[in-house]
Amino acid sequence: MPNTVLLTIPKLLSQVLSIYEVESQPIFAQAGIELFPVGIENSRVDRAKMNQLWQLCIQATGNPELGLVAASLFQPAYLKGIGLAWMVSTNLEEGLRYFADNIQLIDTGMKVELIEQGDELMITYQPKPAMLHEIRPHQCGLQLGMGFFLKMFRLASGKNIPATAVFFRFSIGDSQAIYEEFFQCPVYGDSNYDGISFSKHLLKETLPTSDAELVKINKAAVEKHIQSMGSGKVSSKVIRLVTNLLASGCPTEEIIAYKMNMSQRTLRRKLNSEGVSYSQLLNNLRTALAKQYLLTNSIAVTQIAYQLGYSSPSTFARAFKHQTLVTPLKYREAQIH
């Protein structure tokens, strides 16, 4: 799988540049990145171009710790639906493990490992073994990676979740005070890994935004859909995988094949033998889940859109109307009233 990152990550840099009153379009163009591609829902950016973008942004702003600024501006929407999935998780650890299992949807070259160390949980952010000889993430990308966990935990919990320590492989030199002011804990450079640690008991507290009803509805709807389809073995596995990944953004056929340890061509052949295509499974599943979610007023249409991996509520509305001939709101009104 190519070494790429989701386009929403470099888009975050355009917000950073605006703080410095630097126009982002020329810098993105110089890096060979199209900031607003047309008609591509889950665009990705090559790692080499992403690293070049970081370097150009440092030159334009004069700030080598630009990743920390980006982390301070981070919002769950930059992770697309995976941000929503984290927010409705039972606790921070559950959302963290979901993110770690699906990191390739955000960054195909990296892996997240969770290591229990006594009363603490260490989160390491490292290149995958297969990518060790590929282009590594920029230093600012690692700053953003560590800062992201801190910001995400605080956004999801609605309170200050302190880190206990932060580690970077690169030297932080004279900037240690800057790092420790941001993370509010000891920060170490020249370490053996890039990581951040937290107290385990804080990560197990129930989140105020957790939504057990949504999880319950989702599981019931999936099983009902599989039974109604009379799906074959491969189709059923694809449906369950897609369901788990939808909240992270609509998974491509390539990603599902990767998850099933087979080539895209092999997956396509197996699905064809069961009389179905990946796009048919995806569209039918999204529609079935949407109908189930719309049966209750407790789940907003906006939340449904992101839970199903759509880039926006308007994209969801168009797709739903194409499949059912009515808008999501009209369908909800007809079913509930």
Protein backbone atom coordinates (compact mmCIF):
# COMPACT_ATOMS: atom_id res chain seq x y z
CA MET A 1 0.00 0.00 0.00
CA PRO A 2 1.44 3.44 -0.93
CA ASN A 3 2.90 5.61 1.84
CA THR A 4 0.22 8.31 2.06
CA VAL A 5 -1.75 10.45 4.51
CA LEU A 6 -5.35 11.62 4.36
CA LEU A 7 -5.72 15.05 2.72
CA THR A 8 -7.43 16.47 5.80
CA ILE A 9 -4.05 16.43 7.59
CA PRO A 10 -2.30 18.82 5.17
CA LYS A 11 -5.52 20.84 5.11
CA LEU A 12 -4.94 21.43 8.81
CA LEU A 13 -1.71 23.16 7.80
CA SER A 14 -3.68 25.69 5.76
CA GLN A 15 -5.34 26.71 9.04
CA VAL A 16 -1.92 27.00 10.67
CA LEU A 17 -0.65 29.23 7.87
CA SER A 18 -3.63 31.54 8.25
CA ILE A 19 -2.50 32.29 11.82
CA TYR A 20 0.78 33.55 10.41
CA GLU A 21 -1.11 35.45 7.66
CA VAL A 22 0.61 33.33 5.03
CA GLU A 23 -1.34 32.42 1.89
CA SER A 24 -1.56 28.65 1.70
CA GLN A 25 -2.39 28.09 -1.98
CA PRO A 26 1.09 28.95 -3.40
CA ILE A 27 2.82 26.80 -0.78
CA PHE A 28 0.55 23.81 -1.44
CA ALA A 29 1.09 24.26 -5.18
CA GLN A 30 4.87 24.31 -4.68
CA ALA A 31 4.59 21.02 -2.77
CA GLY A 32 2.47 19.56 -5.58
CA ILE A 33 -0.62 19.18 -3.39
CA GLU A 34 -4.08 20.18 -4.57
CA LEU A 35 -5.81 21.71 -1.57
CA PHE A 36 -9.36 21.35 -2.86
CA PRO A 37 -9.55 18.44 -5.36
CA VAL A 38 -12.88 18.08 -7.14
CA GLY A 39 -15.00 14.94 -6.87
CA ILE A 40 -12.65 12.93 -4.63
CA GLU A 41 -14.19 12.10 -1.26
CA ASN A 42 -11.20 10.58 0.48
CA SER A 43 -8.17 12.14 -1.23
CA ARG A 44 -4.71 11.21 -0.03
CA VAL A 45 -1.27 12.80 -0.22
CA ASP A 46 2.06 11.11 -0.89
CA ARG A 47 4.43 11.11 2.10
CA ALA A 48 7.23 12.82 0.17
CA LYS A 49 4.92 15.69 -0.78
CA MET A 50 3.65 15.91 2.80
CA ASN A 51 7.22 16.21 4.12
CA GLN A 52 7.96 18.88 1.53
CA LEU A 53 4.84 20.77 2.62
CA TRP A 54 6.00 20.75 6.24
CA GLN A 55 9.41 22.13 5.21
CA LEU A 56 7.88 24.87 3.07
CA CYS A 57 5.57 25.85 5.91
CA ILE A 58 8.52 26.07 8.32
CA GLN A 59 10.34 28.34 5.88
CA ALA A 60 7.27 30.53 5.49
CA THR A 61 6.60 30.87 9.22
CA GLY A 62 10.07 30.53 10.73
CA ASN A 63 8.72 28.05 13.30
CA PRO A 64 10.38 24.59 13.42
CA GLU A 65 7.81 23.47 16.04
CA LEU A 66 4.91 24.01 13.64
CA GLY A 67 3.51 20.57 14.43
CA LEU A 68 2.65 21.74 17.93
CA VAL A 69 0.69 24.66 16.51
CA ALA A 70 -1.16 22.25 14.22
CA ALA A 71 -1.96 20.00 17.19
CA SER A 72 -3.42 22.95 19.12
CA LEU A 73 -5.84 23.57 16.21
CA PHE A 74 -6.81 19.92 15.78
CA GLN A 75 -10.51 18.99 15.76
CA PRO A 76 -12.10 15.51 15.39
CA ALA A 77 -13.42 16.47 11.94
CA TYR A 78 -9.85 16.30 10.59
CA LEU A 79 -10.06 12.51 11.11
CA LYS A 80 -13.37 12.42 9.24
CA GLY A 81 -15.73 9.84 10.74
CA ILE A 82 -13.07 8.24 12.91
CA GLY A 83 -13.19 11.37 15.06
CA LEU A 84 -16.92 10.88 15.63
CA ALA A 85 -16.38 7.19 16.40
CA TRP A 86 -13.86 8.18 19.06
CA MET A 87 -16.22 10.74 20.59
CA VAL A 88 -19.05 8.20 20.98
CA SER A 89 -16.78 5.50 22.41
CA THR A 90 -17.34 4.29 25.96
CA ASN A 91 -14.01 5.68 27.14
CA LEU A 92 -10.76 7.12 25.82
CA GLU A 93 -9.01 3.76 25.72
CA GLU A 94 -11.74 2.20 23.59
CA GLY A 95 -11.54 5.07 21.12
CA LEU A 96 -7.76 4.92 21.16
CA ARG A 97 -7.69 1.19 20.37
CA TYR A 98 -10.16 1.72 17.52
CA PHE A 99 -7.90 4.43 16.12
CA ALA A 100 -4.81 2.23 16.50
CA ASP A 101 -6.52 -0.64 14.65
CA ASN A 102 -7.44 1.66 11.76
CA ILE A 103 -4.47 4.03 11.57
CA GLN A 104 -3.86 3.03 7.93
CA LEU A 105 -7.02 4.95 6.98
CA ILE A 106 -5.28 8.11 8.14
CA ASP A 107 -1.62 7.28 7.54
CA THR A 108 -0.64 4.13 5.65
CA GLY A 109 3.02 4.27 6.66
CA MET A 110 2.62 4.40 10.43
CA LYS A 111 1.48 2.14 13.25
CA VAL A 112 0.26 2.89 16.76
CA GLU A 113 1.19 0.49 19.56
CA LEU A 114 -0.21 0.57 23.09
CA ILE A 115 2.16 -0.64 25.81
CA GLU A 116 1.07 -1.03 29.42
CA GLN A 117 3.74 0.08 31.89
CA GLY A 118 2.46 -0.31 35.44
CA ASP A 119 -0.20 2.32 36.02
CA GLU A 120 0.53 4.02 32.70
CA LEU A 121 -0.29 3.37 29.05
CA MET A 122 2.40 4.29 26.55
CA ILE A 123 1.30 5.17 23.01
CA THR A 124 4.05 4.80 20.44
CA TYR A 125 3.77 6.19 16.92
CA GLN A 126 6.23 4.42 14.63
CA PRO A 127 6.78 3.58 10.94
CA LYS A 128 5.51 0.14 9.94
CA PRO A 129 8.33 -2.43 9.49
CA ALA A 130 7.62 -2.54 5.75
CA MET A 131 8.09 1.25 5.61
CA LEU A 132 11.38 1.47 7.52
CA HIS A 133 13.31 2.01 4.29
CA GLU A 134 10.66 4.34 2.87
CA ILE A 135 10.34 8.08 3.48
CA ARG A 136 9.80 8.69 7.19
CA PRO A 137 7.42 11.32 8.55
CA HIS A 138 8.74 14.85 9.00
CA GLN A 139 9.74 15.95 12.49
CA CYS A 140 6.72 18.30 12.56
CA GLY A 141 4.49 15.37 11.66
CA LEU A 142 5.71 13.59 14.79
CA GLN A 143 5.07 16.72 16.86
CA LEU A 144 1.52 16.75 15.51
CA GLY A 145 1.18 13.02 16.15
CA MET A 146 2.04 13.31 19.85
CA GLY A 147 0.08 16.53 20.30
CA PHE A 148 -2.93 15.00 18.56
CA PHE A 149 -3.40 12.35 21.25
CA LEU A 150 -3.30 14.99 23.99
CA LYS A 151 -5.79 17.26 22.19
CA MET A 152 -8.12 14.41 21.22
CA PHE A 153 -8.27 13.10 24.78
CA ARG A 154 -9.15 16.54 26.09
CA LEU A 155 -11.81 17.16 23.45
CA ALA A 156 -13.46 13.77 23.98
CA SER A 157 -13.39 13.91 27.79
CA GLY A 158 -14.25 17.59 28.11
CA LYS A 159 -11.48 18.12 30.66
CA ASN A 160 -7.72 18.32 31.03
CA ILE A 161 -6.18 14.86 30.61
CA PRO A 162 -2.50 15.28 31.52
CA ALA A 163 0.24 13.31 29.83
CA THR A 164 2.89 11.86 32.13
CA ALA A 165 5.81 11.96 29.66
CA VAL A 166 6.56 12.51 25.95
CA PHE A 167 9.42 11.00 23.95
CA PHE A 168 10.86 11.95 20.56
CA ARG A 169 13.55 10.18 18.55
CA PHE A 170 14.90 13.50 17.28
CA SER A 171 16.80 16.03 19.38
CA ILE A 172 14.70 18.83 20.90
CA GLY A 173 17.80 20.80 21.96
CA ASP A 174 17.13 24.36 23.06
CA SER A 175 13.39 23.97 22.39
CA GLN A 176 12.72 21.77 25.42
CA ALA A 177 10.94 24.59 27.25
CA ILE A 178 8.59 25.04 24.27
CA TYR A 179 7.75 21.33 24.24
CA GLU A 180 7.20 21.13 27.99
CA GLU A 181 5.02 24.22 27.98
CA PHE A 182 2.81 22.61 25.33
CA PHE A 183 2.63 19.10 26.83
CA GLN A 184 2.75 20.21 30.49
CA CYS A 185 4.94 17.22 31.41
CA PRO A 186 8.56 16.07 30.99
CA VAL A 187 9.61 15.79 27.33
CA TYR A 188 12.67 13.82 26.22
CA GLY A 189 14.53 14.04 22.93
CA ASP A 190 17.00 11.57 21.42
CA SER A 191 14.80 8.69 22.63
CA ASN A 192 14.47 5.20 21.18
CA TYR A 193 10.92 5.86 20.00
CA ASP A 194 8.26 8.55 19.55
CA GLY A 195 5.60 8.16 22.22
CA ILE A 196 3.38 9.72 24.84
CA SER A 197 2.16 8.16 28.10
CA PHE A 198 -0.97 8.66 30.20
CA SER A 199 -2.37 7.34 33.48
CA LYS A 200 -4.46 4.25 32.67
CA HIS A 201 -7.30 5.05 35.07
CA LEU A 202 -7.98 8.39 33.32
CA LEU A 203 -8.36 6.61 29.98
CA LYS A 204 -11.03 4.27 31.39
CA GLU A 205 -13.44 6.94 32.63
CA THR A 206 -16.78 6.95 30.79
CA LEU A 207 -16.93 9.74 28.21
CA PRO A 208 -19.74 12.29 28.40
CA THR A 209 -20.26 11.89 24.64
CA SER A 210 -20.42 8.08 24.63
CA ASP A 211 -23.43 6.68 22.77
CA ALA A 212 -24.21 3.07 23.65
CA GLU A 213 -27.52 3.28 21.76
CA LEU A 214 -25.76 4.06 18.50
CA VAL A 215 -23.42 1.08 18.97
CA LYS A 216 -26.36 -1.21 19.77
CA ILE A 217 -28.39 -0.03 16.77
CA ASN A 218 -25.37 -0.43 14.52
CA LYS A 219 -24.74 -4.08 15.52
CA ALA A 220 -28.41 -5.05 15.19
CA ALA A 221 -28.74 -3.36 11.81
CA VAL A 222 -25.66 -5.09 10.42
CA GLU A 223 -26.82 -8.56 11.44
CA LYS A 224 -30.28 -7.90 10.04
CA HIS A 225 -28.78 -6.71 6.76
CA ILE A 226 -26.52 -9.76 6.44
CA GLN A 227 -29.42 -12.13 7.09
CA SER A 228 -31.69 -10.36 4.60
CA MET A 229 -29.04 -10.59 1.90
CA GLY A 230 -28.27 -14.26 2.42
CA SER A 231 -24.66 -13.19 1.91
CA GLY A 232 -21.85 -15.57 1.07
CA LYS A 233 -18.89 -16.09 3.38
CA VAL A 234 -16.68 -13.44 1.78
CA SER A 235 -19.52 -10.94 1.39
CA SER A 236 -20.47 -11.29 5.05
CA LYS A 237 -16.89 -10.68 6.15
CA VAL A 238 -16.63 -7.64 3.89
CA ILE A 239 -19.87 -6.23 5.31
CA ARG A 240 -18.63 -6.56 8.87
CA LEU A 241 -15.25 -5.04 8.02
CA VAL A 242 -16.84 -2.14 6.17
CA THR A 243 -19.19 -1.51 9.09
CA ASN A 244 -16.27 -1.28 11.52
CA LEU A 245 -14.44 1.12 9.24
CA LEU A 246 -17.25 3.36 8.01
CA ALA A 247 -16.99 5.79 10.90
CA SER A 248 -13.35 6.32 9.89
CA GLY A 249 -14.36 7.41 6.38
CA CYS A 250 -15.63 5.32 3.51
CA PRO A 251 -13.15 2.42 3.11
CA THR A 252 -11.97 1.65 -0.41
CA GLU A 253 -11.95 -1.82 -1.94
CA GLU A 254 -8.15 -1.70 -1.70
CA ILE A 255 -8.26 -1.15 2.08
CA ILE A 256 -10.76 -3.97 2.61
CA ALA A 257 -8.59 -6.33 0.55
CA TYR A 258 -5.58 -5.29 2.66
CA LYS A 259 -7.55 -6.02 5.85
CA MET A 260 -8.44 -9.47 4.47
CA ASN A 261 -4.81 -10.21 3.53
CA MET A 262 -5.52 -10.58 -0.17
CA SER A 263 -5.03 -8.58 -3.33
CA GLN A 264 -7.75 -6.30 -4.62
CA ARG A 265 -8.06 -8.51 -7.70
CA THR A 266 -8.56 -11.64 -5.55
CA LEU A 267 -11.22 -9.93 -3.45
CA ARG A 268 -13.04 -8.78 -6.57
CA ARG A 269 -12.97 -12.32 -7.99
CA LYS A 270 -14.31 -13.85 -4.76
CA LEU A 271 -17.14 -11.33 -4.57
CA ASN A 272 -18.01 -11.89 -8.22
CA SER A 273 -18.31 -15.62 -7.49
CA GLU A 274 -20.96 -14.70 -4.90
CA GLY A 275 -22.79 -12.55 -7.42
CA VAL A 276 -21.99 -9.16 -5.96
CA SER A 277 -19.52 -6.30 -6.33
CA TYR A 278 -17.83 -4.25 -3.64
CA SER A 279 -19.68 -1.07 -4.64
CA GLN A 280 -23.02 -2.89 -4.42
CA LEU A 281 -22.21 -4.20 -0.94
CA LEU A 282 -21.09 -0.76 0.19
CA ASN A 283 -24.10 1.14 -1.18
CA ASN A 284 -26.63 -1.40 0.09
CA LEU A 285 -25.04 -1.51 3.54
CA ARG A 286 -24.94 2.26 3.89
CA THR A 287 -28.59 2.52 2.88
CA ALA A 288 -29.66 -0.24 5.27
CA LEU A 289 -27.79 1.31 8.18
CA ALA A 290 -29.11 4.77 7.36
CA LYS A 291 -32.70 3.52 7.39
CA GLN A 292 -32.14 1.91 10.78
CA TYR A 293 -30.56 5.04 12.26
CA LEU A 294 -33.35 7.23 10.89
CA LEU A 295 -35.96 5.25 12.84
CA THR A 296 -35.00 7.19 15.97
CA ASN A 297 -34.94 10.94 16.54
CA SER A 298 -32.07 10.61 19.03
CA ILE A 299 -29.44 10.43 16.26
CA ALA A 300 -29.00 13.62 14.23
CA VAL A 301 -28.78 13.35 10.45
CA THR A 302 -25.36 15.03 10.60
CA GLN A 303 -24.14 12.33 12.99
CA ILE A 304 -25.56 9.60 10.74
CA ALA A 305 -23.73 11.06 7.74
CA TYR A 306 -20.32 10.88 9.42
CA GLN A 307 -21.05 7.52 11.07
CA LEU A 308 -21.62 6.12 7.57
CA GLY A 309 -18.37 7.55 6.22
CA TYR A 310 -19.80 10.37 4.12
CA SER A 311 -17.72 13.51 3.73
CA SER A 312 -20.66 15.78 4.58
CA PRO A 313 -24.41 15.67 5.40
CA SER A 314 -25.22 16.96 1.92
CA THR A 315 -23.27 14.10 0.31
CA PHE A 316 -25.19 11.65 2.48
CA ALA A 317 -28.52 13.25 1.58
CA ARG A 318 -27.81 12.98 -2.15
CA ALA A 319 -26.70 9.36 -1.91
CA PHE A 320 -29.69 8.37 0.23
CA LYS A 321 -32.15 10.05 -2.11
CA HIS A 322 -30.51 8.33 -5.09
CA GLN A 323 -31.07 4.94 -3.41
CA THR A 324 -34.54 5.55 -1.92
CA LEU A 325 -35.96 8.49 -3.93
CA VAL A 326 -36.56 10.46 -0.71
CA THR A 327 -34.35 12.62 1.52
CA PRO A 328 -33.23 11.33 4.93
CA LEU A 329 -35.52 13.81 6.71
CA LYS A 330 -38.54 12.82 4.62
CA TYR A 331 -37.82 9.15 5.29
CA ARG A 332 -37.58 9.80 9.03
CA GLU A 333 -40.84 11.77 9.05
CA ALA A 334 -42.67 9.01 7.16
CA GLN A 335 -41.42 6.27 9.50
CA ILE A 336 -41.86 8.01 12.84
CA HIS A 337 -45.13 9.90 12.28
